[in-house]
Amino acid sequence: MLYTVGYRIDETSEHVTIEAEDALEAAKFVKSENPKASITYSRPANYDERGAEDAAASGP
């Protein structure tokens, strides 16, 4: 499943979407890659692979 993780480093906010088993695992992965980051949120992504394909296929 895809999860979106928001984080801050100094004054900069960022987010990434990664595949993980759950939101905690996704947050731990981001923290391990960026030890100075403060995790602000971790949640399921707003779309999945099927939804992304459907949106692209229904274009103009």
PDB file of N, CA and C in Angstrom:
ATOM      1  N   MET A   1       0.844  -1.176   0.000  1.00  0.00           N
ATOM      2  CA  MET A   1       0.000   0.000   0.000  1.00  0.00           C
ATOM      3  C   MET A   1       0.888   1.237   0.000  1.00  0.00           C
ATOM      4  N   LEU A   2       0.407   2.292  -0.596  1.00  0.00           N
ATOM      5  CA  LEU A   2       1.159   3.535  -0.645  1.00  0.00           C
ATOM      6  C   LEU A   2       0.792   4.442   0.531  1.00  0.00           C
ATOM      7  N   TYR A   3       1.818   5.051   1.122  1.00  0.00           N
ATOM      8  CA  TYR A   3       1.630   5.984   2.235  1.00  0.00           C
ATOM      9  C   TYR A   3       2.353   7.283   1.930  1.00  0.00           C
ATOM     10  N   THR A   4       1.763   8.379   2.355  1.00  0.00           N
ATOM     11  CA  THR A   4       2.387   9.683   2.239  1.00  0.00           C
ATOM     12  C   THR A   4       2.885  10.085   3.616  1.00  0.00           C
ATOM     13  N   VAL A   5       4.144  10.512   3.681  1.00  0.00           N
ATOM     14  CA  VAL A   5       4.759  10.917   4.945  1.00  0.00           C
ATOM     15  C   VAL A   5       5.223  12.362   4.798  1.00  0.00           C
ATOM     16  N   GLY A   6       4.749  13.212   5.686  1.00  0.00           N
ATOM     17  CA  GLY A   6       5.185  14.598   5.714  1.00  0.00           C
ATOM     18  C   GLY A   6       6.245  14.780   6.783  1.00  0.00           C
ATOM     19  N   TYR A   7       7.223  15.628   6.492  1.00  0.00           N
ATOM     20  CA  TYR A   7       8.286  15.860   7.462  1.00  0.00           C
ATOM     21  C   TYR A   7       8.872  17.251   7.285  1.00  0.00           C
ATOM     22  N   ARG A   8       9.585  17.693   8.327  1.00  0.00           N
ATOM     23  CA  ARG A   8      10.252  19.001   8.305  1.00  0.00           C
ATOM     24  C   ARG A   8      11.718  18.807   8.622  1.00  0.00           C
ATOM     25  N   ILE A   9      12.546  19.525   7.896  1.00  0.00           N
ATOM     26  CA  ILE A   9      13.973  19.617   8.203  1.00  0.00           C
ATOM     27  C   ILE A   9      14.282  21.104   8.244  1.00  0.00           C
ATOM     28  N   ASP A  10      14.694  21.586   9.417  1.00  0.00           N
ATOM     29  CA  ASP A  10      14.888  23.017   9.658  1.00  0.00           C
ATOM     30  C   ASP A  10      13.586  23.744   9.351  1.00  0.00           C
ATOM     31  N   GLU A  11      13.583  24.639   8.382  1.00  0.00           N
ATOM     32  CA  GLU A  11      12.382  25.412   8.048  1.00  0.00           C
ATOM     33  C   GLU A  11      11.674  24.901   6.792  1.00  0.00           C
ATOM     34  N   THR A  12      12.114  23.776   6.266  1.00  0.00           N
ATOM     35  CA  THR A  12      11.577  23.268   5.008  1.00  0.00           C
ATOM     36  C   THR A  12      10.652  22.080   5.251  1.00  0.00           C
ATOM     37  N   SER A  13       9.456  22.149   4.696  1.00  0.00           N
ATOM     38  CA  SER A  13       8.512  21.033   4.765  1.00  0.00           C
ATOM     39  C   SER A  13       8.569  20.249   3.461  1.00  0.00           C
ATOM     40  N   GLU A  14       8.517  18.937   3.572  1.00  0.00           N
ATOM     41  CA  GLU A  14       8.537  18.058   2.410  1.00  0.00           C
ATOM     42  C   GLU A  14       7.555  16.917   2.647  1.00  0.00           C
ATOM     43  N   HIS A  15       7.269  16.172   1.602  1.00  0.00           N
ATOM     44  CA  HIS A  15       6.515  14.939   1.751  1.00  0.00           C
ATOM     45  C   HIS A  15       6.971  13.955   0.683  1.00  0.00           C
ATOM     46  N   VAL A  16       6.827  12.687   0.982  1.00  0.00           N
ATOM     47  CA  VAL A  16       7.165  11.619   0.050  1.00  0.00           C
ATOM     48  C   VAL A  16       6.045  10.589   0.083  1.00  0.00           C
ATOM     49  N   THR A  17       5.884   9.866  -1.005  1.00  0.00           N
ATOM     50  CA  THR A  17       4.943   8.766  -1.077  1.00  0.00           C
ATOM     51  C   THR A  17       5.746   7.500  -1.304  1.00  0.00           C
ATOM     52  N   ILE A  18       5.589   6.550  -0.387  1.00  0.00           N
ATOM     53  CA  ILE A  18       6.350   5.308  -0.480  1.00  0.00           C
ATOM     54  C   ILE A  18       5.442   4.117  -0.229  1.00  0.00           C
ATOM     55  N   GLU A  19       5.887   2.960  -0.677  1.00  0.00           N
ATOM     56  CA  GLU A  19       5.150   1.735  -0.432  1.00  0.00           C
ATOM     57  C   GLU A  19       5.647   1.117   0.869  1.00  0.00           C
ATOM     58  N   ALA A  20       4.692   0.748   1.734  1.00  0.00           N
ATOM     59  CA  ALA A  20       5.034   0.156   3.023  1.00  0.00           C
ATOM     60  C   ALA A  20       3.864  -0.688   3.513  1.00  0.00           C
ATOM     61  N   GLU A  21       4.118  -1.472   4.555  1.00  0.00           N
ATOM     62  CA  GLU A  21       3.072  -2.310   5.150  1.00  0.00           C
ATOM     63  C   GLU A  21       2.058  -1.471   5.931  1.00  0.00           C
ATOM     64  N   ASP A  22       2.549  -0.421   6.629  1.00  0.00           N
ATOM     65  CA  ASP A  22       1.654   0.447   7.390  1.00  0.00           C
ATOM     66  C   ASP A  22       2.284   1.830   7.540  1.00  0.00           C
ATOM     67  N   ALA A  23       1.525   2.755   8.115  1.00  0.00           N
ATOM     68  CA  ALA A  23       1.969   4.142   8.229  1.00  0.00           C
ATOM     69  C   ALA A  23       3.193   4.282   9.133  1.00  0.00           C
ATOM     70  N   LEU A  24       3.269   3.480  10.185  1.00  0.00           N
ATOM     71  CA  LEU A  24       4.416   3.564  11.086  1.00  0.00           C
ATOM     72  C   LEU A  24       5.696   3.125  10.377  1.00  0.00           C
ATOM     73  N   GLU A  25       5.621   2.055   9.609  1.00  0.00           N
ATOM     74  CA  GLU A  25       6.788   1.598   8.862  1.00  0.00           C
ATOM     75  C   GLU A  25       7.245   2.663   7.866  1.00  0.00           C
ATOM     76  N   ALA A  26       6.307   3.326   7.217  1.00  0.00           N
ATOM     77  CA  ALA A  26       6.643   4.387   6.272  1.00  0.00           C
ATOM     78  C   ALA A  26       7.357   5.536   6.984  1.00  0.00           C
ATOM     79  N   ALA A  27       6.837   5.933   8.153  1.00  0.00           N
ATOM     80  CA  ALA A  27       7.457   7.021   8.916  1.00  0.00           C
ATOM     81  C   ALA A  27       8.856   6.633   9.391  1.00  0.00           C
ATOM     82  N   LYS A  28       9.031   5.388   9.835  1.00  0.00           N
ATOM     83  CA  LYS A  28      10.344   4.925  10.278  1.00  0.00           C
ATOM     84  C   LYS A  28      11.348   4.944   9.135  1.00  0.00           C
ATOM     85  N   PHE A  29      10.899   4.585   7.940  1.00  0.00           N
ATOM     86  CA  PHE A  29      11.789   4.590   6.779  1.00  0.00           C
ATOM     87  C   PHE A  29      12.266   6.015   6.480  1.00  0.00           C
ATOM     88  N   VAL A  30      11.352   6.970   6.485  1.00  0.00           N
ATOM     89  CA  VAL A  30      11.719   8.367   6.219  1.00  0.00           C
ATOM     90  C   VAL A  30      12.676   8.865   7.293  1.00  0.00           C
ATOM     91  N   LYS A  31      12.414   8.539   8.539  1.00  0.00           N
ATOM     92  CA  LYS A  31      13.276   8.971   9.646  1.00  0.00           C
ATOM     93  C   LYS A  31      14.668   8.356   9.529  1.00  0.00           C
ATOM     94  N   SER A  32      14.756   7.106   9.082  1.00  0.00           N
ATOM     95  CA  SER A  32      16.069   6.473   8.931  1.00  0.00           C
ATOM     96  C   SER A  32      16.861   7.101   7.792  1.00  0.00           C
ATOM     97  N   GLU A  33      16.165   7.567   6.756  1.00  0.00           N
ATOM     98  CA  GLU A  33      16.837   8.222   5.634  1.00  0.00           C
ATOM     99  C   GLU A  33      17.224   9.664   5.964  1.00  0.00           C
ATOM    100  N   ASN A  34      16.463  10.308   6.864  1.00  0.00           N
ATOM    101  CA  ASN A  34      16.681  11.711   7.235  1.00  0.00           C
ATOM    102  C   ASN A  34      16.620  11.840   8.758  1.00  0.00           C
ATOM    103  N   PRO A  35      17.687  11.504   9.466  1.00  0.00           N
ATOM    104  CA  PRO A  35      17.654  11.499  10.936  1.00  0.00           C
ATOM    105  C   PRO A  35      17.276  12.842  11.572  1.00  0.00           C
ATOM    106  N   LYS A  36      17.552  13.945  10.906  1.00  0.00           N
ATOM    107  CA  LYS A  36      17.219  15.260  11.466  1.00  0.00           C
ATOM    108  C   LYS A  36      15.772  15.660  11.208  1.00  0.00           C
ATOM    109  N   ALA A  37      15.031  14.859  10.460  1.00  0.00           N
ATOM    110  CA  ALA A  37      13.653  15.196  10.098  1.00  0.00           C
ATOM    111  C   ALA A  37      12.708  15.019  11.280  1.00  0.00           C
ATOM    112  N   SER A  38      11.706  15.883  11.339  1.00  0.00           N
ATOM    113  CA  SER A  38      10.599  15.727  12.279  1.00  0.00           C
ATOM    114  C   SER A  38       9.396  15.272  11.461  1.00  0.00           C
ATOM    115  N   ILE A  39       8.863  14.108  11.764  1.00  0.00           N
ATOM    116  CA  ILE A  39       7.719  13.576  11.030  1.00  0.00           C
ATOM    117  C   ILE A  39       6.482  14.351  11.452  1.00  0.00           C
ATOM    118  N   THR A  40       5.749  14.902  10.501  1.00  0.00           N
ATOM    119  CA  THR A  40       4.547  15.673  10.817  1.00  0.00           C
ATOM    120  C   THR A  40       3.277  14.863  10.589  1.00  0.00           C
ATOM    121  N   TYR A  41       3.280  13.938   9.625  1.00  0.00           N
ATOM    122  CA  TYR A  41       2.140  13.059   9.422  1.00  0.00           C
ATOM    123  C   TYR A  41       2.554  11.841   8.606  1.00  0.00           C
ATOM    124  N   SER A  42       1.772  10.789   8.736  1.00  0.00           N
ATOM    125  CA  SER A  42       1.944   9.580   7.955  1.00  0.00           C
ATOM    126  C   SER A  42       0.558   8.998   7.747  1.00  0.00           C
ATOM    127  N   ARG A  43       0.134   8.895   6.493  1.00  0.00           N
ATOM    128  CA  ARG A  43      -1.232   8.448   6.214  1.00  0.00           C
ATOM    129  C   ARG A  43      -1.276   7.715   4.878  1.00  0.00           C
ATOM    130  N   PRO A  44      -2.341   6.976   4.628  1.00  0.00           N
ATOM    131  CA  PRO A  44      -2.464   6.345   3.317  1.00  0.00           C
ATOM    132  C   PRO A  44      -2.509   7.423   2.230  1.00  0.00           C
ATOM    133  N   ALA A  45      -1.888   7.132   1.106  1.00  0.00           N
ATOM    134  CA  ALA A  45      -1.894   8.082  -0.005  1.00  0.00           C
ATOM    135  C   ALA A  45      -3.326   8.254  -0.502  1.00  0.00           C
ATOM    136  N   ASN A  46      -3.618   9.386  -1.112  1.00  0.00           N
ATOM    137  CA  ASN A  46      -4.960   9.681  -1.609  1.00  0.00           C
ATOM    138  C   ASN A  46      -5.331   8.867  -2.832  1.00  0.00           C
ATOM    139  N   TYR A  47      -4.390   8.142  -3.388  1.00  0.00           N
ATOM    140  CA  TYR A  47      -4.657   7.349  -4.586  1.00  0.00           C
ATOM    141  C   TYR A  47      -3.877   6.047  -4.503  1.00  0.00           C
ATOM    142  N   ASP A  48      -4.299   5.094  -5.260  1.00  0.00           N
ATOM    143  CA  ASP A  48      -3.525   3.867  -5.388  1.00  0.00           C
ATOM    144  C   ASP A  48      -3.155   3.710  -6.858  1.00  0.00           C
ATOM    145  N   GLU A  49      -2.422   2.673  -7.182  1.00  0.00           N
ATOM    146  CA  GLU A  49      -1.973   2.518  -8.554  1.00  0.00           C
ATOM    147  C   GLU A  49      -3.148   2.427  -9.519  1.00  0.00           C
ATOM    148  N   ARG A  50      -4.187   1.735  -9.150  1.00  0.00           N
ATOM    149  CA  ARG A  50      -5.347   1.589 -10.028  1.00  0.00           C
ATOM    150  C   ARG A  50      -6.021   2.924 -10.248  1.00  0.00           C
ATOM    151  N   GLY A  51      -6.191   3.702  -9.169  1.00  0.00           N
ATOM    152  CA  GLY A  51      -6.814   5.021  -9.282  1.00  0.00           C
ATOM    153  C   GLY A  51      -6.016   5.957 -10.154  1.00  0.00           C
ATOM    154  N   ALA A  52      -4.699   5.892 -10.056  1.00  0.00           N
ATOM    155  CA  ALA A  52      -3.849   6.748 -10.880  1.00  0.00           C
ATOM    156  C   ALA A  52      -3.995   6.379 -12.350  1.00  0.00           C
ATOM    157  N   GLU A  53      -4.081   5.078 -12.655  1.00  0.00           N
ATOM    158  CA  GLU A  53      -4.249   4.642 -14.032  1.00  0.00           C
ATOM    159  C   GLU A  53      -5.622   5.070 -14.554  1.00  0.00           C
ATOM    160  N   ASP A  54      -6.670   4.937 -13.732  1.00  0.00           N
ATOM    161  CA  ASP A  54      -8.006   5.319 -14.157  1.00  0.00           C
ATOM    162  C   ASP A  54      -8.070   6.802 -14.484  1.00  0.00           C
ATOM    163  N   ALA A  55      -7.430   7.632 -13.667  1.00  0.00           N
ATOM    164  CA  ALA A  55      -7.457   9.074 -13.895  1.00  0.00           C
ATOM    165  C   ALA A  55      -6.735   9.410 -15.202  1.00  0.00           C
ATOM    166  N   ALA A  56      -5.633   8.738 -15.479  1.00  0.00           N
ATOM    167  CA  ALA A  56      -4.887   8.992 -16.707  1.00  0.00           C
ATOM    168  C   ALA A  56      -5.677   8.523 -17.927  1.00  0.00           C
ATOM    169  N   ALA A  57      -6.379   7.413 -17.788  1.00  0.00           N
ATOM    170  CA  ALA A  57      -7.119   6.852 -18.911  1.00  0.00           C
ATOM    171  C   ALA A  57      -8.356   7.677 -19.253  1.00  0.00           C
ATOM    172  N   SER A  58      -8.897   8.409 -18.297  1.00  0.00           N
ATOM    173  CA  SER A  58     -10.116   9.173 -18.544  1.00  0.00           C
ATOM    174  C   SER A  58      -9.832  10.614 -18.953  1.00  0.00           C
ATOM    175  N   GLY A  59      -8.646  10.875 -19.457  1.00  0.00           N
ATOM    176  CA  GLY A  59      -8.258  12.218 -19.889  1.00  0.00           C
ATOM    177  C   GLY A  59      -9.153  12.763 -20.984  1.00  0.00           C
ATOM    178  N   PRO A  60      -8.859  13.961 -21.457  1.00  0.00           N
ATOM    179  CA  PRO A  60      -9.726  14.635 -22.440  1.00  0.00           C
ATOM    180  C   PRO A  60      -9.896  13.908 -23.738  1.00  0.00           C
TER     181      PRO A  60
END
